[in-house]
PDB file of N, CA and C in Angstrom:
ATOM      1  N   VAL A   1      22.360 -19.346 -18.308  1.00  0.00           N
ATOM      2  CA  VAL A   1      21.053 -19.664 -18.856  1.00  0.00           C
ATOM      3  C   VAL A   1      20.057 -19.956 -17.740  1.00  0.00           C
ATOM      4  N   VAL A   2      20.497 -20.629 -16.666  1.00  0.00           N
ATOM      5  CA  VAL A   2      19.601 -20.918 -15.542  1.00  0.00           C
ATOM      6  C   VAL A   2      19.088 -19.627 -14.925  1.00  0.00           C
ATOM      7  N   GLY A   3      19.939 -18.614 -14.838  1.00  0.00           N
ATOM      8  CA  GLY A   3      19.529 -17.330 -14.281  1.00  0.00           C
ATOM      9  C   GLY A   3      18.406 -16.680 -15.067  1.00  0.00           C
ATOM     10  N   HIS A   4      18.422 -16.852 -16.377  1.00  0.00           N
ATOM     11  CA  HIS A   4      17.342 -16.300 -17.197  1.00  0.00           C
ATOM     12  C   HIS A   4      16.034 -17.029 -16.906  1.00  0.00           C
ATOM     13  N   TYR A   5      16.095 -18.354 -16.783  1.00  0.00           N
ATOM     14  CA  TYR A   5      14.887 -19.128 -16.479  1.00  0.00           C
ATOM     15  C   TYR A   5      14.316 -18.734 -15.121  1.00  0.00           C
ATOM     16  N   THR A   6      15.167 -18.674 -14.101  1.00  0.00           N
ATOM     17  CA  THR A   6      14.642 -18.364 -12.768  1.00  0.00           C
ATOM     18  C   THR A   6      14.037 -16.966 -12.731  1.00  0.00           C
ATOM     19  N   GLN A   7      14.582 -16.015 -13.482  1.00  0.00           N
ATOM     20  CA  GLN A   7      13.977 -14.688 -13.514  1.00  0.00           C
ATOM     21  C   GLN A   7      12.604 -14.729 -14.180  1.00  0.00           C
ATOM     22  N   VAL A   8      12.465 -15.480 -15.255  1.00  0.00           N
ATOM     23  CA  VAL A   8      11.181 -15.567 -15.959  1.00  0.00           C
ATOM     24  C   VAL A   8      10.090 -16.141 -15.059  1.00  0.00           C
ATOM     25  N   VAL A   9      10.430 -17.118 -14.223  1.00  0.00           N
ATOM     26  CA  VAL A   9       9.417 -17.759 -13.371  1.00  0.00           C
ATOM     27  C   VAL A   9       9.392 -17.185 -11.957  1.00  0.00           C
ATOM     28  N   TRP A  10      10.159 -16.134 -11.673  1.00  0.00           N
ATOM     29  CA  TRP A  10      10.256 -15.584 -10.318  1.00  0.00           C
ATOM     30  C   TRP A  10       8.891 -15.124  -9.827  1.00  0.00           C
ATOM     31  N   TYR A  11       8.507 -15.596  -8.645  1.00  0.00           N
ATOM     32  CA  TYR A  11       7.156 -15.405  -8.116  1.00  0.00           C
ATOM     33  C   TYR A  11       6.743 -13.954  -7.929  1.00  0.00           C
ATOM     34  N   SER A  12       7.650 -13.078  -7.578  1.00  0.00           N
ATOM     35  CA  SER A  12       7.237 -11.714  -7.253  1.00  0.00           C
ATOM     36  C   SER A  12       7.417 -10.724  -8.398  1.00  0.00           C
ATOM     37  N   SER A  13       7.960 -11.146  -9.515  1.00  0.00           N
ATOM     38  CA  SER A  13       8.113 -10.250 -10.663  1.00  0.00           C
ATOM     39  C   SER A  13       6.805 -10.249 -11.445  1.00  0.00           C
ATOM     40  N   TYR A  14       5.983  -9.263 -11.182  1.00  0.00           N
ATOM     41  CA  TYR A  14       4.653  -9.242 -11.796  1.00  0.00           C
ATOM     42  C   TYR A  14       4.492  -8.146 -12.843  1.00  0.00           C
ATOM     43  N   ARG A  15       5.469  -7.280 -12.977  1.00  0.00           N
ATOM     44  CA  ARG A  15       5.457  -6.282 -14.047  1.00  0.00           C
ATOM     45  C   ARG A  15       6.626  -6.613 -14.973  1.00  0.00           C
ATOM     46  N   VAL A  16       6.314  -6.930 -16.208  1.00  0.00           N
ATOM     47  CA  VAL A  16       7.343  -7.363 -17.153  1.00  0.00           C
ATOM     48  C   VAL A  16       7.172  -6.599 -18.462  1.00  0.00           C
ATOM     49  N   GLY A  17       8.259  -6.071 -18.951  1.00  0.00           N
ATOM     50  CA  GLY A  17       8.246  -5.406 -20.249  1.00  0.00           C
ATOM     51  C   GLY A  17       9.363  -5.965 -21.109  1.00  0.00           C
ATOM     52  N   CYS A  18       9.059  -6.304 -22.346  1.00  0.00           N
ATOM     53  CA  CYS A  18      10.068  -6.883 -23.234  1.00  0.00           C
ATOM     54  C   CYS A  18      10.103  -6.128 -24.555  1.00  0.00           C
ATOM     55  N   GLY A  19      11.250  -6.157 -25.185  1.00  0.00           N
ATOM     56  CA  GLY A  19      11.409  -5.520 -26.483  1.00  0.00           C
ATOM     57  C   GLY A  19      12.297  -6.362 -27.376  1.00  0.00           C
ATOM     58  N   ILE A  20      12.218  -6.087 -28.661  1.00  0.00           N
ATOM     59  CA  ILE A  20      13.020  -6.817 -29.639  1.00  0.00           C
ATOM     60  C   ILE A  20      13.547  -5.808 -30.660  1.00  0.00           C
ATOM     61  N   ALA A  21      14.770  -6.026 -31.087  1.00  0.00           N
ATOM     62  CA  ALA A  21      15.360  -5.178 -32.122  1.00  0.00           C
ATOM     63  C   ALA A  21      15.920  -6.065 -33.223  1.00  0.00           C
ATOM     64  N   TYR A  22      15.668  -5.678 -34.436  1.00  0.00           N
ATOM     65  CA  TYR A  22      16.207  -6.389 -35.588  1.00  0.00           C
ATOM     66  C   TYR A  22      17.543  -5.744 -35.954  1.00  0.00           C
ATOM     67  N   CYS A  23      18.569  -6.553 -36.079  1.00  0.00           N
ATOM     68  CA  CYS A  23      19.924  -6.073 -36.374  1.00  0.00           C
ATOM     69  C   CYS A  23      20.377  -6.661 -37.712  1.00  0.00           C
ATOM     70  N   PRO A  24      20.036  -6.026 -38.825  1.00  0.00           N
ATOM     71  CA  PRO A  24      20.298  -6.604 -40.146  1.00  0.00           C
ATOM     72  C   PRO A  24      21.783  -6.752 -40.479  1.00  0.00           C
ATOM     73  N   ASN A  25      22.647  -5.990 -39.842  1.00  0.00           N
ATOM     74  CA  ASN A  25      24.080  -6.057 -40.150  1.00  0.00           C
ATOM     75  C   ASN A  25      24.808  -7.180 -39.419  1.00  0.00           C
ATOM     76  N   GLN A  26      24.137  -7.865 -38.537  1.00  0.00           N
ATOM     77  CA  GLN A  26      24.743  -8.980 -37.809  1.00  0.00           C
ATOM     78  C   GLN A  26      24.646 -10.249 -38.652  1.00  0.00           C
ATOM     79  N   GLU A  27      25.689 -11.061 -38.633  1.00  0.00           N
ATOM     80  CA  GLU A  27      25.662 -12.293 -39.419  1.00  0.00           C
ATOM     81  C   GLU A  27      24.838 -13.385 -38.759  1.00  0.00           C
ATOM     82  N   ASN A  28      25.083 -13.640 -37.500  1.00  0.00           N
ATOM     83  CA  ASN A  28      24.439 -14.775 -36.836  1.00  0.00           C
ATOM     84  C   ASN A  28      23.196 -14.384 -36.044  1.00  0.00           C
ATOM     85  N   LEU A  29      23.344 -13.453 -35.143  1.00  0.00           N
ATOM     86  CA  LEU A  29      22.225 -13.079 -34.269  1.00  0.00           C
ATOM     87  C   LEU A  29      21.550 -11.826 -34.807  1.00  0.00           C
ATOM     88  N   LYS A  30      20.495 -12.028 -35.552  1.00  0.00           N
ATOM     89  CA  LYS A  30      19.817 -10.906 -36.206  1.00  0.00           C
ATOM     90  C   LYS A  30      18.819 -10.194 -35.297  1.00  0.00           C
ATOM     91  N   TYR A  31      18.425 -10.848 -34.201  1.00  0.00           N
ATOM     92  CA  TYR A  31      17.441 -10.260 -33.300  1.00  0.00           C
ATOM     93  C   TYR A  31      18.024 -10.144 -31.897  1.00  0.00           C
ATOM     94  N   TYR A  32      17.729  -9.050 -31.236  1.00  0.00           N
ATOM     95  CA  TYR A  32      18.195  -8.801 -29.875  1.00  0.00           C
ATOM     96  C   TYR A  32      16.961  -8.639 -28.996  1.00  0.00           C
ATOM     97  N   TYR A  33      16.853  -9.481 -27.976  1.00  0.00           N
ATOM     98  CA  TYR A  33      15.699  -9.480 -27.076  1.00  0.00           C
ATOM     99  C   TYR A  33      16.118  -8.953 -25.710  1.00  0.00           C
ATOM    100  N   VAL A  34      15.281  -8.135 -25.105  1.00  0.00           N
ATOM    101  CA  VAL A  34      15.552  -7.593 -23.773  1.00  0.00           C
ATOM    102  C   VAL A  34      14.249  -7.588 -22.988  1.00  0.00           C
ATOM    103  N   CYS A  35      14.326  -7.966 -21.716  1.00  0.00           N
ATOM    104  CA  CYS A  35      13.169  -7.877 -20.823  1.00  0.00           C
ATOM    105  C   CYS A  35      13.573  -7.197 -19.523  1.00  0.00           C
ATOM    106  N   GLN A  36      12.678  -6.409 -18.987  1.00  0.00           N
ATOM    107  CA  GLN A  36      12.865  -5.753 -17.692  1.00  0.00           C
ATOM    108  C   GLN A  36      11.808  -6.314 -16.750  1.00  0.00           C
ATOM    109  N   TYR A  37      12.224  -6.776 -15.589  1.00  0.00           N
ATOM    110  CA  TYR A  37      11.328  -7.396 -14.618  1.00  0.00           C
ATOM    111  C   TYR A  37      11.257  -6.533 -13.371  1.00  0.00           C
ATOM    112  N   CYS A  38      10.055  -6.337 -12.857  1.00  0.00           N
ATOM    113  CA  CYS A  38       9.889  -5.531 -11.657  1.00  0.00           C
ATOM    114  C   CYS A  38       8.834  -6.159 -10.763  1.00  0.00           C
ATOM    115  N   PRO A  39       9.109  -6.296  -9.503  1.00  0.00           N
ATOM    116  CA  PRO A  39      10.415  -6.175  -8.884  1.00  0.00           C
ATOM    117  C   PRO A  39      11.368  -7.220  -9.449  1.00  0.00           C
ATOM    118  N   ALA A  40      12.636  -6.885  -9.443  1.00  0.00           N
ATOM    119  CA  ALA A  40      13.643  -7.811  -9.962  1.00  0.00           C
ATOM    120  C   ALA A  40      13.657  -9.089  -9.139  1.00  0.00           C
ATOM    121  N   GLY A  41      13.892 -10.196  -9.797  1.00  0.00           N
ATOM    122  CA  GLY A  41      14.000 -11.481  -9.104  1.00  0.00           C
ATOM    123  C   GLY A  41      15.441 -11.908  -8.984  1.00  0.00           C
ATOM    124  N   ASN A  42      15.629 -13.212  -8.953  1.00  0.00           N
ATOM    125  CA  ASN A  42      16.961 -13.793  -8.825  1.00  0.00           C
ATOM    126  C   ASN A  42      17.679 -13.320  -7.574  1.00  0.00           C
ATOM    127  N   ASN A  43      16.932 -13.178  -6.487  1.00  0.00           N
ATOM    128  CA  ASN A  43      17.520 -12.853  -5.193  1.00  0.00           C
ATOM    129  C   ASN A  43      18.473 -13.983  -4.825  1.00  0.00           C
ATOM    130  N   VAL A  44      19.725 -13.669  -4.600  1.00  0.00           N
ATOM    131  CA  VAL A  44      20.755 -14.680  -4.363  1.00  0.00           C
ATOM    132  C   VAL A  44      20.396 -15.596  -3.201  1.00  0.00           C
ATOM    133  N   SER A  45      19.811 -15.054  -2.137  1.00  0.00           N
ATOM    134  CA  SER A  45      19.489 -15.885  -0.973  1.00  0.00           C
ATOM    135  C   SER A  45      18.321 -16.833  -1.235  1.00  0.00           C
ATOM    136  N   LYS A  46      17.567 -16.598  -2.308  1.00  0.00           N
ATOM    137  CA  LYS A  46      16.417 -17.448  -2.631  1.00  0.00           C
ATOM    138  C   LYS A  46      16.546 -18.061  -4.025  1.00  0.00           C
ATOM    139  N   LYS A  47      17.752 -18.101  -4.562  1.00  0.00           N
ATOM    140  CA  LYS A  47      17.986 -18.501  -5.953  1.00  0.00           C
ATOM    141  C   LYS A  47      17.448 -19.894  -6.285  1.00  0.00           C
ATOM    142  N   ASN A  48      17.477 -20.801  -5.318  1.00  0.00           N
ATOM    143  CA  ASN A  48      17.008 -22.162  -5.584  1.00  0.00           C
ATOM    144  C   ASN A  48      15.500 -22.310  -5.440  1.00  0.00           C
ATOM    145  N   THR A  49      14.814 -21.253  -5.046  1.00  0.00           N
ATOM    146  CA  THR A  49      13.356 -21.326  -4.879  1.00  0.00           C
ATOM    147  C   THR A  49      12.694 -20.096  -5.507  1.00  0.00           C
ATOM    148  N   PRO A  50      12.620 -20.042  -6.840  1.00  0.00           N
ATOM    149  CA  PRO A  50      12.023 -18.872  -7.484  1.00  0.00           C
ATOM    150  C   PRO A  50      10.508 -18.777  -7.299  1.00  0.00           C
ATOM    151  N   TYR A  51       9.897 -19.842  -6.816  1.00  0.00           N
ATOM    152  CA  TYR A  51       8.469 -19.833  -6.520  1.00  0.00           C
ATOM    153  C   TYR A  51       8.200 -20.881  -5.450  1.00  0.00           C
ATOM    154  N   LYS A  52       7.032 -20.775  -4.811  1.00  0.00           N
ATOM    155  CA  LYS A  52       6.674 -21.733  -3.764  1.00  0.00           C
ATOM    156  C   LYS A  52       5.994 -22.948  -4.375  1.00  0.00           C
ATOM    157  N   GLU A  53       6.356 -24.124  -3.878  1.00  0.00           N
ATOM    158  CA  GLU A  53       5.676 -25.341  -4.308  1.00  0.00           C
ATOM    159  C   GLU A  53       4.363 -25.456  -3.551  1.00  0.00           C
ATOM    160  N   GLY A  54       3.406 -26.137  -4.149  1.00  0.00           N
ATOM    161  CA  GLY A  54       2.155 -26.396  -3.453  1.00  0.00           C
ATOM    162  C   GLY A  54       0.941 -26.016  -4.267  1.00  0.00           C
ATOM    163  N   THR A  55      -0.170 -25.951  -3.589  1.00  0.00           N
ATOM    164  CA  THR A  55      -1.445 -25.625  -4.210  1.00  0.00           C
ATOM    165  C   THR A  55      -1.455 -24.167  -4.666  1.00  0.00           C
ATOM    166  N   PRO A  56      -1.896 -23.895  -5.896  1.00  0.00           N
ATOM    167  CA  PRO A  56      -1.973 -22.507  -6.352  1.00  0.00           C
ATOM    168  C   PRO A  56      -2.813 -21.653  -5.406  1.00  0.00           C
ATOM    169  N   CYS A  57      -2.332 -20.497  -5.095  1.00  0.00           N
ATOM    170  CA  CYS A  57      -3.003 -19.499  -4.261  1.00  0.00           C
ATOM    171  C   CYS A  57      -3.179 -19.920  -2.801  1.00  0.00           C
ATOM    172  N   ALA A  58      -2.433 -20.915  -2.344  1.00  0.00           N
ATOM    173  CA  ALA A  58      -2.543 -21.340  -0.945  1.00  0.00           C
ATOM    174  C   ALA A  58      -2.127 -20.227   0.011  1.00  0.00           C
ATOM    175  N   SER A  59      -1.199 -19.385  -0.388  1.00  0.00           N
ATOM    176  CA  SER A  59      -0.745 -18.312   0.495  1.00  0.00           C
ATOM    177  C   SER A  59      -1.515 -17.009   0.293  1.00  0.00           C
ATOM    178  N   CYS A  60      -2.509 -17.011  -0.602  1.00  0.00           N
ATOM    179  CA  CYS A  60      -3.289 -15.792  -0.854  1.00  0.00           C
ATOM    180  C   CYS A  60      -4.731 -16.135  -1.235  1.00  0.00           C
ATOM    181  N   PRO A  61      -5.434 -16.915  -0.432  1.00  0.00           N
ATOM    182  CA  PRO A  61      -6.764 -17.394  -0.838  1.00  0.00           C
ATOM    183  C   PRO A  61      -7.769 -16.295  -1.186  1.00  0.00           C
ATOM    184  N   GLY A  62      -7.640 -15.127  -0.607  1.00  0.00           N
ATOM    185  CA  GLY A  62      -8.578 -14.045  -0.907  1.00  0.00           C
ATOM    186  C   GLY A  62      -8.148 -13.174  -2.069  1.00  0.00           C
ATOM    187  N   ASP A  63      -6.950 -13.385  -2.565  1.00  0.00           N
ATOM    188  CA  ASP A  63      -6.395 -12.558  -3.633  1.00  0.00           C
ATOM    189  C   ASP A  63      -5.833 -13.440  -4.737  1.00  0.00           C
ATOM    190  N   CYS A  64      -6.721 -14.146  -5.438  1.00  0.00           N
ATOM    191  CA  CYS A  64      -6.285 -15.125  -6.426  1.00  0.00           C
ATOM    192  C   CYS A  64      -7.034 -14.911  -7.740  1.00  0.00           C
ATOM    193  N   ASP A  65      -6.300 -15.000  -8.836  1.00  0.00           N
ATOM    194  CA  ASP A  65      -6.905 -14.884 -10.156  1.00  0.00           C
ATOM    195  C   ASP A  65      -6.256 -15.919 -11.071  1.00  0.00           C
ATOM    196  N   ASP A  66      -7.038 -16.862 -11.523  1.00  0.00           N
ATOM    197  CA  ASP A  66      -6.565 -17.889 -12.455  1.00  0.00           C
ATOM    198  C   ASP A  66      -5.340 -18.637 -11.919  1.00  0.00           C
ATOM    199  N   GLY A  67      -5.366 -18.928 -10.626  1.00  0.00           N
ATOM    200  CA  GLY A  67      -4.286 -19.695 -10.014  1.00  0.00           C
ATOM    201  C   GLY A  67      -3.048 -18.901  -9.648  1.00  0.00           C
ATOM    202  N   LEU A  68      -3.111 -17.577  -9.753  1.00  0.00           N
ATOM    203  CA  LEU A  68      -1.967 -16.731  -9.413  1.00  0.00           C
ATOM    204  C   LEU A  68      -2.355 -15.723  -8.339  1.00  0.00           C
ATOM    205  N   CYS A  69      -1.463 -15.515  -7.374  1.00  0.00           N
ATOM    206  CA  CYS A  69      -1.707 -14.527  -6.322  1.00  0.00           C
ATOM    207  C   CYS A  69      -1.664 -13.122  -6.912  1.00  0.00           C
ATOM    208  N   THR A  70      -2.565 -12.273  -6.437  1.00  0.00           N
ATOM    209  CA  THR A  70      -2.635 -10.904  -6.940  1.00  0.00           C
ATOM    210  C   THR A  70      -2.427  -9.868  -5.846  1.00  0.00           C
ATOM    211  N   ASN A  71      -2.041 -10.306  -4.651  1.00  0.00           N
ATOM    212  CA  ASN A  71      -1.874  -9.382  -3.529  1.00  0.00           C
ATOM    213  C   ASN A  71      -0.460  -8.801  -3.508  1.00  0.00           C
ATOM    214  N   THR A  72      -0.191  -7.910  -4.436  1.00  0.00           N
ATOM    215  CA  THR A  72       1.145  -7.346  -4.555  1.00  0.00           C
ATOM    216  C   THR A  72       1.374  -6.228  -3.539  1.00  0.00           C
ATOM    217  N   CYS A  73       2.621  -6.012  -3.232  1.00  0.00           N
ATOM    218  CA  CYS A  73       3.045  -4.980  -2.292  1.00  0.00           C
ATOM    219  C   CYS A  73       3.373  -3.706  -3.065  1.00  0.00           C
ATOM    220  N   GLN A  74       3.027  -2.567  -2.502  1.00  0.00           N
ATOM    221  CA  GLN A  74       3.314  -1.301  -3.183  1.00  0.00           C
ATOM    222  C   GLN A  74       4.729  -0.798  -2.916  1.00  0.00           C
ATOM    223  N   TYR A  75       5.443  -1.488  -2.039  1.00  0.00           N
ATOM    224  CA  TYR A  75       6.814  -1.101  -1.704  1.00  0.00           C
ATOM    225  C   TYR A  75       7.801  -2.098  -2.289  1.00  0.00           C
ATOM    226  N   GLU A  76       9.071  -1.742  -2.287  1.00  0.00           N
ATOM    227  CA  GLU A  76      10.110  -2.676  -2.709  1.00  0.00           C
ATOM    228  C   GLU A  76      11.284  -2.598  -1.748  1.00  0.00           C
ATOM    229  N   ASP A  77      12.051  -3.666  -1.693  1.00  0.00           N
ATOM    230  CA  ASP A  77      13.276  -3.695  -0.906  1.00  0.00           C
ATOM    231  C   ASP A  77      14.421  -3.206  -1.780  1.00  0.00           C
ATOM    232  N   LEU A  78      15.251  -2.349  -1.234  1.00  0.00           N
ATOM    233  CA  LEU A  78      16.400  -1.838  -1.969  1.00  0.00           C
ATOM    234  C   LEU A  78      17.676  -2.606  -1.649  1.00  0.00           C
ATOM    235  N   LEU A  79      17.589  -3.536  -0.708  1.00  0.00           N
ATOM    236  CA  LEU A  79      18.716  -4.392  -0.349  1.00  0.00           C
ATOM    237  C   LEU A  79      18.311  -5.842  -0.553  1.00  0.00           C
ATOM    238  N   SER A  80      19.261  -6.699  -0.875  1.00  0.00           N
ATOM    239  CA  SER A  80      18.943  -8.109  -1.120  1.00  0.00           C
ATOM    240  C   SER A  80      18.893  -8.943   0.154  1.00  0.00           C
ATOM    241  N   ASN A  81      19.364  -8.417   1.269  1.00  0.00           N
ATOM    242  CA  ASN A  81      19.407  -9.186   2.511  1.00  0.00           C
ATOM    243  C   ASN A  81      18.439  -8.666   3.571  1.00  0.00           C
ATOM    244  N   CYS A  82      17.321  -8.109   3.157  1.00  0.00           N
ATOM    245  CA  CYS A  82      16.362  -7.538   4.103  1.00  0.00           C
ATOM    246  C   CYS A  82      15.792  -8.580   5.066  1.00  0.00           C
ATOM    247  N   ASP A  83      15.573  -9.803   4.593  1.00  0.00           N
ATOM    248  CA  ASP A  83      15.043 -10.841   5.486  1.00  0.00           C
ATOM    249  C   ASP A  83      15.975 -11.075   6.668  1.00  0.00           C
ATOM    250  N   SER A  84      17.258 -11.215   6.407  1.00  0.00           N
ATOM    251  CA  SER A  84      18.197 -11.466   7.503  1.00  0.00           C
ATOM    252  C   SER A  84      18.379 -10.223   8.368  1.00  0.00           C
ATOM    253  N   LEU A  85      18.343  -9.037   7.779  1.00  0.00           N
ATOM    254  CA  LEU A  85      18.439  -7.810   8.569  1.00  0.00           C
ATOM    255  C   LEU A  85      17.246  -7.659   9.503  1.00  0.00           C
ATOM    256  N   LYS A  86      16.073  -8.037   9.032  1.00  0.00           N
ATOM    257  CA  LYS A  86      14.879  -7.959   9.875  1.00  0.00           C
ATOM    258  C   LYS A  86      15.022  -8.880  11.085  1.00  0.00           C
ATOM    259  N   LYS A  87      15.577 -10.065  10.868  1.00  0.00           N
ATOM    260  CA  LYS A  87      15.756 -11.015  11.972  1.00  0.00           C
ATOM    261  C   LYS A  87      16.752 -10.506  13.007  1.00  0.00           C
ATOM    262  N   THR A  88      17.790  -9.822  12.558  1.00  0.00           N
ATOM    263  CA  THR A  88      18.823  -9.382  13.496  1.00  0.00           C
ATOM    264  C   THR A  88      18.562  -8.002  14.090  1.00  0.00           C
ATOM    265  N   ALA A  89      18.090  -7.059  13.290  1.00  0.00           N
ATOM    266  CA  ALA A  89      17.945  -5.682  13.769  1.00  0.00           C
ATOM    267  C   ALA A  89      16.502  -5.265  14.013  1.00  0.00           C
ATOM    268  N   GLY A  90      15.552  -5.902  13.323  1.00  0.00           N
ATOM    269  CA  GLY A  90      14.151  -5.525  13.474  1.00  0.00           C
ATOM    270  C   GLY A  90      13.778  -4.347  12.590  1.00  0.00           C
ATOM    271  N   CYS A  91      12.509  -4.220  12.317  1.00  0.00           N
ATOM    272  CA  CYS A  91      12.031  -3.177  11.404  1.00  0.00           C
ATOM    273  C   CYS A  91      12.039  -1.779  12.010  1.00  0.00           C
ATOM    274  N   GLY A  92      12.336  -1.668  13.289  1.00  0.00           N
ATOM    275  CA  GLY A  92      12.453  -0.353  13.905  1.00  0.00           C
ATOM    276  C   GLY A  92      13.779   0.328  13.590  1.00  0.00           C
ATOM    277  N   HIS A  93      14.735  -0.419  13.088  1.00  0.00           N
ATOM    278  CA  HIS A  93      16.052   0.126  12.747  1.00  0.00           C
ATOM    279  C   HIS A  93      15.920   1.071  11.556  1.00  0.00           C
ATOM    280  N   GLU A  94      16.630   2.192  11.601  1.00  0.00           N
ATOM    281  CA  GLU A  94      16.529   3.216  10.551  1.00  0.00           C
ATOM    282  C   GLU A  94      16.875   2.686   9.158  1.00  0.00           C
ATOM    283  N   LEU A  95      17.885   1.834   9.068  1.00  0.00           N
ATOM    284  CA  LEU A  95      18.269   1.283   7.765  1.00  0.00           C
ATOM    285  C   LEU A  95      17.122   0.490   7.153  1.00  0.00           C
ATOM    286  N   LEU A  96      16.464  -0.325   7.948  1.00  0.00           N
ATOM    287  CA  LEU A  96      15.354  -1.130   7.441  1.00  0.00           C
ATOM    288  C   LEU A  96      14.151  -0.265   7.091  1.00  0.00           C
ATOM    289  N   LYS A  97      13.896   0.759   7.884  1.00  0.00           N
ATOM    290  CA  LYS A  97      12.779   1.666   7.577  1.00  0.00           C
ATOM    291  C   LYS A  97      12.954   2.302   6.204  1.00  0.00           C
ATOM    292  N   GLU A  98      14.201   2.611   5.862  1.00  0.00           N
ATOM    293  CA  GLU A  98      14.477   3.284   4.594  1.00  0.00           C
ATOM    294  C   GLU A  98      14.675   2.321   3.428  1.00  0.00           C
ATOM    295  N   LYS A  99      15.371   1.208   3.656  1.00  0.00           N
ATOM    296  CA  LYS A  99      15.796   0.344   2.555  1.00  0.00           C
ATOM    297  C   LYS A  99      15.041  -0.977   2.433  1.00  0.00           C
ATOM    298  N   CYS A 100      14.239  -1.341   3.434  1.00  0.00           N
ATOM    299  CA  CYS A 100      13.564  -2.650   3.436  1.00  0.00           C
ATOM    300  C   CYS A 100      12.062  -2.509   3.666  1.00  0.00           C
ATOM    301  N   LYS A 101      11.441  -1.582   2.974  1.00  0.00           N
ATOM    302  CA  LYS A 101      10.024  -1.300   3.205  1.00  0.00           C
ATOM    303  C   LYS A 101       9.121  -2.486   2.891  1.00  0.00           C
ATOM    304  N   ALA A 102       9.403  -3.220   1.834  1.00  0.00           N
ATOM    305  CA  ALA A 102       8.547  -4.368   1.496  1.00  0.00           C
ATOM    306  C   ALA A 102       8.611  -5.429   2.586  1.00  0.00           C
ATOM    307  N   THR A 103       9.803  -5.762   3.039  1.00  0.00           N
ATOM    308  CA  THR A 103       9.962  -6.770   4.088  1.00  0.00           C
ATOM    309  C   THR A 103       9.247  -6.349   5.361  1.00  0.00           C
ATOM    310  N   CYS A 104       9.306  -5.069   5.685  1.00  0.00           N
ATOM    311  CA  CYS A 104       8.738  -4.599   6.947  1.00  0.00           C
ATOM    312  C   CYS A 104       7.259  -4.227   6.870  1.00  0.00           C
ATOM    313  N   LEU A 105       6.765  -3.845   5.710  1.00  0.00           N
ATOM    314  CA  LEU A 105       5.386  -3.350   5.613  1.00  0.00           C
ATOM    315  C   LEU A 105       4.438  -4.252   4.830  1.00  0.00           C
ATOM    316  N   CYS A 106       4.939  -5.313   4.232  1.00  0.00           N
ATOM    317  CA  CYS A 106       4.098  -6.112   3.336  1.00  0.00           C
ATOM    318  C   CYS A 106       4.055  -7.590   3.699  1.00  0.00           C
ATOM    319  N   GLU A 107       4.005  -7.898   4.963  1.00  0.00           N
ATOM    320  CA  GLU A 107       3.928  -9.303   5.353  1.00  0.00           C
ATOM    321  C   GLU A 107       2.660  -9.930   4.779  1.00  0.00           C
ATOM    322  N   GLY A 108       2.803 -11.098   4.181  1.00  0.00           N
ATOM    323  CA  GLY A 108       1.669 -11.786   3.575  1.00  0.00           C
ATOM    324  C   GLY A 108       1.355 -11.340   2.157  1.00  0.00           C
ATOM    325  N   LYS A 109       2.150 -10.429   1.622  1.00  0.00           N
ATOM    326  CA  LYS A 109       1.943  -9.957   0.249  1.00  0.00           C
ATOM    327  C   LYS A 109       3.123 -10.361  -0.621  1.00  0.00           C
ATOM    328  N   ILE A 110       2.963 -10.206  -1.918  1.00  0.00           N
ATOM    329  CA  ILE A 110       4.023 -10.527  -2.868  1.00  0.00           C
ATOM    330  C   ILE A 110       4.948  -9.323  -2.992  1.00  0.00           C
ATOM    331  N   TYR A 111       6.224  -9.554  -2.781  1.00  0.00           N
ATOM    332  CA  TYR A 111       7.218  -8.494  -2.980  1.00  0.00           C
ATOM    333  C   TYR A 111       8.545  -9.080  -3.360  1.00  0.00           C
TER     334      TYR A 111
END
């Protein structure tokens, strides 16, 4: 249940689509809810910090709307450990160029 909460409040998941299905033949659970979040949250290395504490829009003063940062990145990371890979190998490494574009190209943006 905690994983569902952290995904809902995850700071970088800014595209969300949800659906509901009615299942009349079920006895107890008549409704089935599904949501897709993009970019996906619940990054294991950041699981305890789904968002930053502090003043709203402190990290994006020029890109703020109603207390939420709007400076999204057009790229995504395809690996969950891109931050640590960047520290050890650097963004010049071929693996990071291909699989960690957000980490390497979107510093200061939401990804």
